[in-house]
Amino acid sequence: LRQLKSEAFTPRLQVVQRLAATNAPAVAEVAAWMQA
């Protein structure tokens, strides 16, 4: 979505962050992706 410069990117990222926020390994995985 980011490559396509889609307007759906930011809301999708927020959904993924919210779903991961209760699981520490998932948080780490999302964080690693954002850092990369």
Full PDB file with SEQRES, HELIX, SHEET, SSBOND, CRYST1, ORIGX, SCALE, CONECT and MASTER records, all heavy atoms in Angstrom:
SEQRES   1 A   36  LEU ARG GLN LEU LYS SER GLU ALA PHE THR PRO ARG LEU          
SEQRES   2 A   36  GLN VAL VAL GLN ARG LEU ALA ALA THR ASN ALA PRO ALA          
SEQRES   3 A   36  VAL ALA GLU VAL ALA ALA TRP MET GLN ALA                      
HELIX    1 AA1 PHE A    9  ALA A   20  1                                  12    
HELIX    2 AA2 ALA A   24  GLN A   35  1                                  12    
CRYST1    1.000    1.000    1.000  90.00  90.00  90.00 P 1           1          
ORIGX1      1.000000  0.000000  0.000000        0.00000                         
ORIGX2      0.000000  1.000000  0.000000        0.00000                         
ORIGX3      0.000000  0.000000  1.000000        0.00000                         
SCALE1      1.000000  0.000000  0.000000        0.00000                         
SCALE2      0.000000  1.000000  0.000000        0.00000                         
SCALE3      0.000000  0.000000  1.000000        0.00000                         
ATOM      1  N   LEU A   1       0.833  -1.209   0.000  1.00  0.00           N  
ATOM      2  CA  LEU A   1       0.000   0.000   0.000  1.00  0.00           C  
ATOM      3  C   LEU A   1       0.862   1.251   0.000  1.00  0.00           C  
ATOM      4  O   LEU A   1       0.523   2.259  -0.659  1.00  0.00           O  
ATOM      5  CB  LEU A   1      -0.913   0.004   1.236  1.00  0.00           C  
ATOM      6  CG  LEU A   1      -2.048  -1.025   1.243  1.00  0.00           C  
ATOM      7  CD1 LEU A   1      -2.795  -0.970   2.568  1.00  0.00           C  
ATOM      8  CD2 LEU A   1      -3.015  -0.775   0.079  1.00  0.00           C  
ATOM      9  N   ARG A   2       1.980   1.183   0.694  1.00  0.00           N  
ATOM     10  CA  ARG A   2       2.890   2.341   0.733  1.00  0.00           C  
ATOM     11  C   ARG A   2       3.510   2.574  -0.636  1.00  0.00           C  
ATOM     12  O   ARG A   2       3.660   3.724  -1.068  1.00  0.00           O  
ATOM     13  CB  ARG A   2       3.969   2.094   1.786  1.00  0.00           C  
ATOM     14  CG  ARG A   2       4.657   3.364   2.248  1.00  0.00           C  
ATOM     15  CD  ARG A   2       5.374   3.141   3.550  1.00  0.00           C  
ATOM     16  NE  ARG A   2       5.913   4.382   4.053  1.00  0.00           N  
ATOM     17  CZ  ARG A   2       7.194   4.574   4.357  1.00  0.00           C  
ATOM     18  NH1 ARG A   2       8.044   3.583   4.240  1.00  0.00           N  
ATOM     19  NH2 ARG A   2       7.610   5.732   4.815  1.00  0.00           N  
ATOM     20  N   GLN A   3       3.895   1.496  -1.304  1.00  0.00           N  
ATOM     21  CA  GLN A   3       4.436   1.638  -2.660  1.00  0.00           C  
ATOM     22  C   GLN A   3       3.420   2.264  -3.601  1.00  0.00           C  
ATOM     23  O   GLN A   3       3.758   3.086  -4.461  1.00  0.00           O  
ATOM     24  CB  GLN A   3       4.849   0.267  -3.206  1.00  0.00           C  
ATOM     25  CG  GLN A   3       6.194  -0.226  -2.747  1.00  0.00           C  
ATOM     26  CD  GLN A   3       6.645  -1.433  -3.558  1.00  0.00           C  
ATOM     27  OE1 GLN A   3       6.502  -1.459  -4.777  1.00  0.00           O  
ATOM     28  NE2 GLN A   3       7.175  -2.428  -2.877  1.00  0.00           N  
ATOM     29  N   LEU A   4       2.169   1.850  -3.434  1.00  0.00           N  
ATOM     30  CA  LEU A   4       1.102   2.372  -4.293  1.00  0.00           C  
ATOM     31  C   LEU A   4       0.645   3.770  -3.882  1.00  0.00           C  
ATOM     32  O   LEU A   4      -0.214   4.366  -4.542  1.00  0.00           O  
ATOM     33  CB  LEU A   4      -0.094   1.412  -4.259  1.00  0.00           C  
ATOM     34  CG  LEU A   4       0.136   0.028  -4.879  1.00  0.00           C  
ATOM     35  CD1 LEU A   4      -1.045  -0.895  -4.565  1.00  0.00           C  
ATOM     36  CD2 LEU A   4       0.333   0.150  -6.391  1.00  0.00           C  
ATOM     37  N   LYS A   5       1.222   4.277  -2.776  1.00  0.00           N  
ATOM     38  CA  LYS A   5       0.835   5.588  -2.225  1.00  0.00           C  
ATOM     39  C   LYS A   5      -0.672   5.653  -1.978  1.00  0.00           C  
ATOM     40  O   LYS A   5      -1.343   6.657  -2.256  1.00  0.00           O  
ATOM     41  CB  LYS A   5       1.277   6.716  -3.161  1.00  0.00           C  
ATOM     42  CG  LYS A   5       2.790   6.759  -3.329  1.00  0.00           C  
ATOM     43  CD  LYS A   5       3.231   7.890  -4.239  1.00  0.00           C  
ATOM     44  CE  LYS A   5       4.753   7.893  -4.387  1.00  0.00           C  
ATOM     45  NZ  LYS A   5       5.227   8.952  -5.285  1.00  0.00           N  
ATOM     46  N   SER A   6      -1.168   4.542  -1.434  1.00  0.00           N  
ATOM     47  CA  SER A   6      -2.603   4.426  -1.195  1.00  0.00           C  
ATOM     48  C   SER A   6      -3.015   5.175   0.070  1.00  0.00           C  
ATOM     49  O   SER A   6      -2.309   5.161   1.078  1.00  0.00           O  
ATOM     50  CB  SER A   6      -2.969   2.940  -1.058  1.00  0.00           C  
ATOM     51  OG  SER A   6      -4.290   2.793  -0.598  1.00  0.00           O  
ATOM     52  N   GLU A   7      -4.192   5.817   0.002  1.00  0.00           N  
ATOM     53  CA  GLU A   7      -4.728   6.498   1.183  1.00  0.00           C  
ATOM     54  C   GLU A   7      -5.107   5.511   2.275  1.00  0.00           C  
ATOM     55  O   GLU A   7      -5.296   5.891   3.433  1.00  0.00           O  
ATOM     56  CB  GLU A   7      -5.953   7.332   0.786  1.00  0.00           C  
ATOM     57  CG  GLU A   7      -5.630   8.484  -0.154  1.00  0.00           C  
ATOM     58  CD  GLU A   7      -6.881   9.278  -0.516  1.00  0.00           C  
ATOM     59  OE1 GLU A   7      -7.989   8.860  -0.091  1.00  0.00           O  
ATOM     60  OE2 GLU A   7      -6.757  10.296  -1.230  1.00  0.00           O  
ATOM     61  N   ALA A   8      -5.177   4.230   1.919  1.00  0.00           N  
ATOM     62  CA  ALA A   8      -5.540   3.208   2.904  1.00  0.00           C  
ATOM     63  C   ALA A   8      -4.378   2.842   3.814  1.00  0.00           C  
ATOM     64  O   ALA A   8      -4.574   2.128   4.809  1.00  0.00           O  
ATOM     65  CB  ALA A   8      -6.038   1.955   2.180  1.00  0.00           C  
ATOM     66  N   PHE A   9      -3.171   3.343   3.494  1.00  0.00           N  
ATOM     67  CA  PHE A   9      -1.989   2.913   4.270  1.00  0.00           C  
ATOM     68  C   PHE A   9      -2.092   3.284   5.746  1.00  0.00           C  
ATOM     69  O   PHE A   9      -1.951   2.437   6.625  1.00  0.00           O  
ATOM     70  CB  PHE A   9      -0.720   3.512   3.665  1.00  0.00           C  
ATOM     71  CG  PHE A   9       0.490   3.307   4.548  1.00  0.00           C  
ATOM     72  CD1 PHE A   9       1.094   2.063   4.642  1.00  0.00           C  
ATOM     73  CD2 PHE A   9       0.994   4.353   5.324  1.00  0.00           C  
ATOM     74  CE1 PHE A   9       2.190   1.863   5.474  1.00  0.00           C  
ATOM     75  CE2 PHE A   9       2.079   4.167   6.150  1.00  0.00           C  
ATOM     76  CZ  PHE A   9       2.681   2.919   6.228  1.00  0.00           C  
ATOM     77  N   THR A  10      -2.324   4.563   6.044  1.00  0.00           N  
ATOM     78  CA  THR A  10      -2.305   5.004   7.444  1.00  0.00           C  
ATOM     79  C   THR A  10      -3.387   4.328   8.284  1.00  0.00           C  
ATOM     80  O   THR A  10      -3.082   3.805   9.375  1.00  0.00           O  
ATOM     81  CB  THR A  10      -2.438   6.542   7.514  1.00  0.00           C  
ATOM     82  OG1 THR A  10      -1.319   7.131   6.829  1.00  0.00           O  
ATOM     83  CG2 THR A  10      -2.449   7.012   8.962  1.00  0.00           C  
ATOM     84  N   PRO A  11      -4.639   4.288   7.843  1.00  0.00           N  
ATOM     85  CA  PRO A  11      -5.630   3.592   8.663  1.00  0.00           C  
ATOM     86  C   PRO A  11      -5.333   2.095   8.814  1.00  0.00           C  
ATOM     87  O   PRO A  11      -5.576   1.515   9.873  1.00  0.00           O  
ATOM     88  CB  PRO A  11      -6.954   3.823   7.921  1.00  0.00           C  
ATOM     89  CG  PRO A  11      -6.591   4.326   6.566  1.00  0.00           C  
ATOM     90  CD  PRO A  11      -5.286   4.996   6.710  1.00  0.00           C  
ATOM     91  N   ARG A  12      -4.768   1.470   7.766  1.00  0.00           N  
ATOM     92  CA  ARG A  12      -4.424   0.042   7.878  1.00  0.00           C  
ATOM     93  C   ARG A  12      -3.304  -0.140   8.910  1.00  0.00           C  
ATOM     94  O   ARG A  12      -3.331  -1.088   9.691  1.00  0.00           O  
ATOM     95  CB  ARG A  12      -3.995  -0.490   6.517  1.00  0.00           C  
ATOM     96  CG  ARG A  12      -3.533  -1.950   6.533  1.00  0.00           C  
ATOM     97  CD  ARG A  12      -4.694  -2.916   6.647  1.00  0.00           C  
ATOM     98  NE  ARG A  12      -5.514  -2.898   5.461  1.00  0.00           N  
ATOM     99  CZ  ARG A  12      -5.273  -3.602   4.347  1.00  0.00           C  
ATOM    100  NH1 ARG A  12      -4.216  -4.380   4.269  1.00  0.00           N  
ATOM    101  NH2 ARG A  12      -6.096  -3.514   3.327  1.00  0.00           N  
ATOM    102  N   LEU A  13      -2.315   0.744   8.911  1.00  0.00           N  
ATOM    103  CA  LEU A  13      -1.229   0.660   9.893  1.00  0.00           C  
ATOM    104  C   LEU A  13      -1.783   0.784  11.310  1.00  0.00           C  
ATOM    105  O   LEU A  13      -1.380   0.049  12.220  1.00  0.00           O  
ATOM    106  CB  LEU A  13      -0.188   1.751   9.630  1.00  0.00           C  
ATOM    107  CG  LEU A  13       0.933   1.875  10.674  1.00  0.00           C  
ATOM    108  CD1 LEU A  13       1.728   0.572  10.797  1.00  0.00           C  
ATOM    109  CD2 LEU A  13       1.869   3.043  10.323  1.00  0.00           C  
ATOM    110  N   GLN A  14      -2.724   1.698  11.504  1.00  0.00           N  
ATOM    111  CA  GLN A  14      -3.314   1.880  12.840  1.00  0.00           C  
ATOM    112  C   GLN A  14      -4.066   0.625  13.276  1.00  0.00           C  
ATOM    113  O   GLN A  14      -4.014   0.239  14.452  1.00  0.00           O  
ATOM    114  CB  GLN A  14      -4.242   3.092  12.824  1.00  0.00           C  
ATOM    115  CG  GLN A  14      -3.496   4.408  12.652  1.00  0.00           C  
ATOM    116  CD  GLN A  14      -4.435   5.586  12.406  1.00  0.00           C  
ATOM    117  OE1 GLN A  14      -5.642   5.402  12.135  1.00  0.00           O  
ATOM    118  NE2 GLN A  14      -3.899   6.795  12.474  1.00  0.00           N  
ATOM    119  N   VAL A  15      -4.722  -0.036  12.343  1.00  0.00           N  
ATOM    120  CA  VAL A  15      -5.426  -1.288  12.665  1.00  0.00           C  
ATOM    121  C   VAL A  15      -4.425  -2.358  13.078  1.00  0.00           C  
ATOM    122  O   VAL A  15      -4.613  -3.069  14.072  1.00  0.00           O  
ATOM    123  CB  VAL A  15      -6.266  -1.770  11.460  1.00  0.00           C  
ATOM    124  CG1 VAL A  15      -6.766  -3.184  11.692  1.00  0.00           C  
ATOM    125  CG2 VAL A  15      -7.435  -0.823  11.210  1.00  0.00           C  
ATOM    126  N   VAL A  16      -3.348  -2.485  12.316  1.00  0.00           N  
ATOM    127  CA  VAL A  16      -2.329  -3.494  12.628  1.00  0.00           C  
ATOM    128  C   VAL A  16      -1.703  -3.205  13.990  1.00  0.00           C  
ATOM    129  O   VAL A  16      -1.497  -4.121  14.799  1.00  0.00           O  
ATOM    130  CB  VAL A  16      -1.256  -3.529  11.522  1.00  0.00           C  
ATOM    131  CG1 VAL A  16      -0.076  -4.412  11.937  1.00  0.00           C  
ATOM    132  CG2 VAL A  16      -1.850  -4.036  10.217  1.00  0.00           C  
ATOM    133  N   GLN A  17      -1.423  -1.941  14.266  1.00  0.00           N  
ATOM    134  CA  GLN A  17      -0.844  -1.587  15.572  1.00  0.00           C  
ATOM    135  C   GLN A  17      -1.800  -1.936  16.704  1.00  0.00           C  
ATOM    136  O   GLN A  17      -1.393  -2.462  17.744  1.00  0.00           O  
ATOM    137  CB  GLN A  17      -0.517  -0.087  15.599  1.00  0.00           C  
ATOM    138  CG  GLN A  17       0.675   0.299  14.757  1.00  0.00           C  
ATOM    139  CD  GLN A  17       0.883   1.803  14.736  1.00  0.00           C  
ATOM    140  OE1 GLN A  17      -0.088   2.588  14.794  1.00  0.00           O  
ATOM    141  NE2 GLN A  17       2.124   2.223  14.638  1.00  0.00           N  
ATOM    142  N   ARG A  18      -3.073  -1.657  16.503  1.00  0.00           N  
ATOM    143  CA  ARG A  18      -4.062  -1.932  17.550  1.00  0.00           C  
ATOM    144  C   ARG A  18      -4.188  -3.437  17.803  1.00  0.00           C  
ATOM    145  O   ARG A  18      -4.270  -3.885  18.954  1.00  0.00           O  
ATOM    146  CB  ARG A  18      -5.416  -1.346  17.147  1.00  0.00           C  
ATOM    147  CG  ARG A  18      -6.478  -1.445  18.251  1.00  0.00           C  
ATOM    148  CD  ARG A  18      -7.711  -0.616  17.936  1.00  0.00           C  
ATOM    149  NE  ARG A  18      -8.408  -1.086  16.735  1.00  0.00           N  
ATOM    150  CZ  ARG A  18      -8.399  -0.440  15.564  1.00  0.00           C  
ATOM    151  NH1 ARG A  18      -7.735   0.693  15.431  1.00  0.00           N  
ATOM    152  NH2 ARG A  18      -9.053  -0.930  14.517  1.00  0.00           N  
ATOM    153  N   LEU A  19      -4.176  -4.228  16.744  1.00  0.00           N  
ATOM    154  CA  LEU A  19      -4.285  -5.682  16.900  1.00  0.00           C  
ATOM    155  C   LEU A  19      -3.050  -6.276  17.568  1.00  0.00           C  
ATOM    156  O   LEU A  19      -3.137  -7.267  18.294  1.00  0.00           O  
ATOM    157  CB  LEU A  19      -4.501  -6.333  15.525  1.00  0.00           C  
ATOM    158  CG  LEU A  19      -5.832  -6.044  14.844  1.00  0.00           C  
ATOM    159  CD1 LEU A  19      -5.843  -6.608  13.421  1.00  0.00           C  
ATOM    160  CD2 LEU A  19      -6.998  -6.636  15.651  1.00  0.00           C  
ATOM    161  N   ALA A  20      -1.877  -5.665  17.312  1.00  0.00           N  
ATOM    162  CA  ALA A  20      -0.629  -6.192  17.877  1.00  0.00           C  
ATOM    163  C   ALA A  20      -0.382  -5.738  19.301  1.00  0.00           C  
ATOM    164  O   ALA A  20       0.424  -6.344  20.009  1.00  0.00           O  
ATOM    165  CB  ALA A  20       0.545  -5.761  16.996  1.00  0.00           C  
ATOM    166  N   ALA A  21      -1.056  -4.694  19.754  1.00  0.00           N  
ATOM    167  CA  ALA A  21      -0.689  -3.993  20.983  1.00  0.00           C  
ATOM    168  C   ALA A  21      -0.811  -4.825  22.251  1.00  0.00           C  
ATOM    169  O   ALA A  21      -0.265  -4.451  23.292  1.00  0.00           O  
ATOM    170  CB  ALA A  21      -1.529  -2.718  21.120  1.00  0.00           C  
ATOM    171  N   THR A  22      -1.491  -5.965  22.200  1.00  0.00           N  
ATOM    172  CA  THR A  22      -1.650  -6.789  23.407  1.00  0.00           C  
ATOM    173  C   THR A  22      -0.717  -7.993  23.413  1.00  0.00           C  
ATOM    174  O   THR A  22      -0.804  -8.832  24.300  1.00  0.00           O  
ATOM    175  CB  THR A  22      -3.100  -7.293  23.526  1.00  0.00           C  
ATOM    176  OG1 THR A  22      -3.442  -8.028  22.334  1.00  0.00           O  
ATOM    177  CG2 THR A  22      -4.061  -6.122  23.694  1.00  0.00           C  
ATOM    178  N   ASN A  23       0.174  -8.059  22.424  1.00  0.00           N  
ATOM    179  CA  ASN A  23       1.068  -9.210  22.299  1.00  0.00           C  
ATOM    180  C   ASN A  23       2.490  -8.707  22.076  1.00  0.00           C  
ATOM    181  O   ASN A  23       2.781  -8.100  21.039  1.00  0.00           O  
ATOM    182  CB  ASN A  23       0.616 -10.097  21.126  1.00  0.00           C  
ATOM    183  CG  ASN A  23       1.473 -11.325  20.964  1.00  0.00           C  
ATOM    184  OD1 ASN A  23       2.611 -11.236  20.508  1.00  0.00           O  
ATOM    185  ND2 ASN A  23       0.942 -12.473  21.329  1.00  0.00           N  
ATOM    186  N   ALA A  24       3.370  -8.937  23.040  1.00  0.00           N  
ATOM    187  CA  ALA A  24       4.715  -8.352  22.990  1.00  0.00           C  
ATOM    188  C   ALA A  24       5.509  -8.764  21.754  1.00  0.00           C  
ATOM    189  O   ALA A  24       6.103  -7.900  21.088  1.00  0.00           O  
ATOM    190  CB  ALA A  24       5.481  -8.694  24.266  1.00  0.00           C  
ATOM    191  N   PRO A  25       5.575 -10.062  21.392  1.00  0.00           N  
ATOM    192  CA  PRO A  25       6.304 -10.402  20.165  1.00  0.00           C  
ATOM    193  C   PRO A  25       5.715  -9.740  18.927  1.00  0.00           C  
ATOM    194  O   PRO A  25       6.452  -9.351  18.014  1.00  0.00           O  
ATOM    195  CB  PRO A  25       6.182 -11.933  20.088  1.00  0.00           C  
ATOM    196  CG  PRO A  25       5.991 -12.367  21.509  1.00  0.00           C  
ATOM    197  CD  PRO A  25       5.158 -11.287  22.127  1.00  0.00           C  
ATOM    198  N   ALA A  26       4.383  -9.586  18.894  1.00  0.00           N  
ATOM    199  CA  ALA A  26       3.755  -8.923  17.750  1.00  0.00           C  
ATOM    200  C   ALA A  26       4.133  -7.445  17.711  1.00  0.00           C  
ATOM    201  O   ALA A  26       4.388  -6.883  16.636  1.00  0.00           O  
ATOM    202  CB  ALA A  26       2.243  -9.085  17.821  1.00  0.00           C  
ATOM    203  N   VAL A  27       4.165  -6.810  18.878  1.00  0.00           N  
ATOM    204  CA  VAL A  27       4.604  -5.412  18.949  1.00  0.00           C  
ATOM    205  C   VAL A  27       6.008  -5.283  18.369  1.00  0.00           C  
ATOM    206  O   VAL A  27       6.303  -4.383  17.570  1.00  0.00           O  
ATOM    207  CB  VAL A  27       4.568  -4.897  20.401  1.00  0.00           C  
ATOM    208  CG1 VAL A  27       5.304  -3.556  20.518  1.00  0.00           C  
ATOM    209  CG2 VAL A  27       3.134  -4.742  20.886  1.00  0.00           C  
ATOM    210  N   ALA A  28       6.896  -6.200  18.775  1.00  0.00           N  
ATOM    211  CA  ALA A  28       8.280  -6.156  18.293  1.00  0.00           C  
ATOM    212  C   ALA A  28       8.344  -6.328  16.783  1.00  0.00           C  
ATOM    213  O   ALA A  28       9.144  -5.675  16.097  1.00  0.00           O  
ATOM    214  CB  ALA A  28       9.105  -7.234  18.991  1.00  0.00           C  
ATOM    215  N   GLU A  29       7.484  -7.179  16.248  1.00  0.00           N  
ATOM    216  CA  GLU A  29       7.482  -7.415  14.807  1.00  0.00           C  
ATOM    217  C   GLU A  29       7.017  -6.180  14.045  1.00  0.00           C  
ATOM    218  O   GLU A  29       7.609  -5.812  13.019  1.00  0.00           O  
ATOM    219  CB  GLU A  29       6.573  -8.615  14.493  1.00  0.00           C  
ATOM    220  CG  GLU A  29       6.746  -9.184  13.105  1.00  0.00           C  
ATOM    221  CD  GLU A  29       5.976 -10.476  12.884  1.00  0.00           C  
ATOM    222  OE1 GLU A  29       5.525 -11.093  13.873  1.00  0.00           O  
ATOM    223  OE2 GLU A  29       5.826 -10.871  11.706  1.00  0.00           O  
ATOM    224  N   VAL A  30       5.975  -5.544  14.541  1.00  0.00           N  
ATOM    225  CA  VAL A  30       5.494  -4.319  13.900  1.00  0.00           C  
ATOM    226  C   VAL A  30       6.555  -3.222  14.001  1.00  0.00           C  
ATOM    227  O   VAL A  30       6.830  -2.501  13.024  1.00  0.00           O  
ATOM    228  CB  VAL A  30       4.169  -3.850  14.526  1.00  0.00           C  
ATOM    229  CG1 VAL A  30       3.755  -2.493  13.956  1.00  0.00           C  
ATOM    230  CG2 VAL A  30       3.071  -4.880  14.288  1.00  0.00           C  
ATOM    231  N   ALA A  31       7.180  -3.116  15.170  1.00  0.00           N  
ATOM    232  CA  ALA A  31       8.204  -2.093  15.368  1.00  0.00           C  
ATOM    233  C   ALA A  31       9.374  -2.305  14.419  1.00  0.00           C  
ATOM    234  O   ALA A  31       9.898  -1.345  13.824  1.00  0.00           O  
ATOM    235  CB  ALA A  31       8.696  -2.118  16.814  1.00  0.00           C  
ATOM    236  N   ALA A  32       9.806  -3.556  14.257  1.00  0.00           N  
ATOM    237  CA  ALA A  32      10.923  -3.843  13.353  1.00  0.00           C  
ATOM    238  C   ALA A  32      10.567  -3.447  11.915  1.00  0.00           C  
ATOM    239  O   ALA A  32      11.406  -2.904  11.177  1.00  0.00           O  
ATOM    240  CB  ALA A  32      11.289  -5.319  13.425  1.00  0.00           C  
ATOM    241  N   TRP A  33       9.318  -3.724  11.519  1.00  0.00           N  
ATOM    242  CA  TRP A  33       8.891  -3.355  10.170  1.00  0.00           C  
ATOM    243  C   TRP A  33       8.917  -1.842   9.996  1.00  0.00           C  
ATOM    244  O   TRP A  33       9.401  -1.329   8.977  1.00  0.00           O  
ATOM    245  CB  TRP A  33       7.495  -3.904   9.889  1.00  0.00           C  
ATOM    246  CG  TRP A  33       7.034  -3.608   8.495  1.00  0.00           C  
ATOM    247  CD1 TRP A  33       7.246  -4.350   7.377  1.00  0.00           C  
ATOM    248  CD2 TRP A  33       6.311  -2.439   8.069  1.00  0.00           C  
ATOM    249  NE1 TRP A  33       6.707  -3.730   6.280  1.00  0.00           N  
ATOM    250  CE2 TRP A  33       6.123  -2.559   6.665  1.00  0.00           C  
ATOM    251  CE3 TRP A  33       5.807  -1.317   8.733  1.00  0.00           C  
ATOM    252  CZ2 TRP A  33       5.451  -1.599   5.930  1.00  0.00           C  
ATOM    253  CZ3 TRP A  33       5.127  -0.346   7.985  1.00  0.00           C  
ATOM    254  CH2 TRP A  33       4.958  -0.489   6.601  1.00  0.00           C  
ATOM    255  N   MET A  34       8.405  -1.113  10.973  1.00  0.00           N  
ATOM    256  CA  MET A  34       8.374   0.347  10.879  1.00  0.00           C  
ATOM    257  C   MET A  34       9.791   0.912  10.827  1.00  0.00           C  
ATOM    258  O   MET A  34      10.075   1.833  10.055  1.00  0.00           O  
ATOM    259  CB  MET A  34       7.592   0.936  12.057  1.00  0.00           C  
ATOM    260  CG  MET A  34       6.111   0.589  12.044  1.00  0.00           C  
ATOM    261  SD  MET A  34       5.198   1.293  13.442  1.00  0.00           S  
ATOM    262  CE  MET A  34       5.225   3.049  13.033  1.00  0.00           C  
ATOM    263  N   GLN A  35      10.686   0.360  11.646  1.00  0.00           N  
ATOM    264  CA  GLN A  35      12.062   0.844  11.642  1.00  0.00           C  
ATOM    265  C   GLN A  35      12.739   0.590  10.306  1.00  0.00           C  
ATOM    266  O   GLN A  35      13.537   1.399   9.836  1.00  0.00           O  
ATOM    267  CB  GLN A  35      12.843   0.164  12.772  1.00  0.00           C  
ATOM    268  CG  GLN A  35      12.410   0.609  14.165  1.00  0.00           C  
ATOM    269  CD  GLN A  35      12.945  -0.281  15.273  1.00  0.00           C  
ATOM    270  OE1 GLN A  35      13.850  -1.079  15.061  1.00  0.00           O  
ATOM    271  NE2 GLN A  35      12.385  -0.138  16.468  1.00  0.00           N  
ATOM    272  N   ALA A  36      12.411  -0.546   9.680  1.00  0.00           N  
ATOM    273  CA  ALA A  36      13.013  -0.883   8.389  1.00  0.00           C  
ATOM    274  C   ALA A  36      12.398  -0.100   7.239  1.00  0.00           C  
ATOM    275  O   ALA A  36      12.939  -0.107   6.128  1.00  0.00           O  
ATOM    276  CB  ALA A  36      12.870  -2.382   8.125  1.00  0.00           C  
TER     277      ALA A  36                                                      
MASTER        0    0    0    2    0    0    0    6  276    1    0    3          
END                                                                             
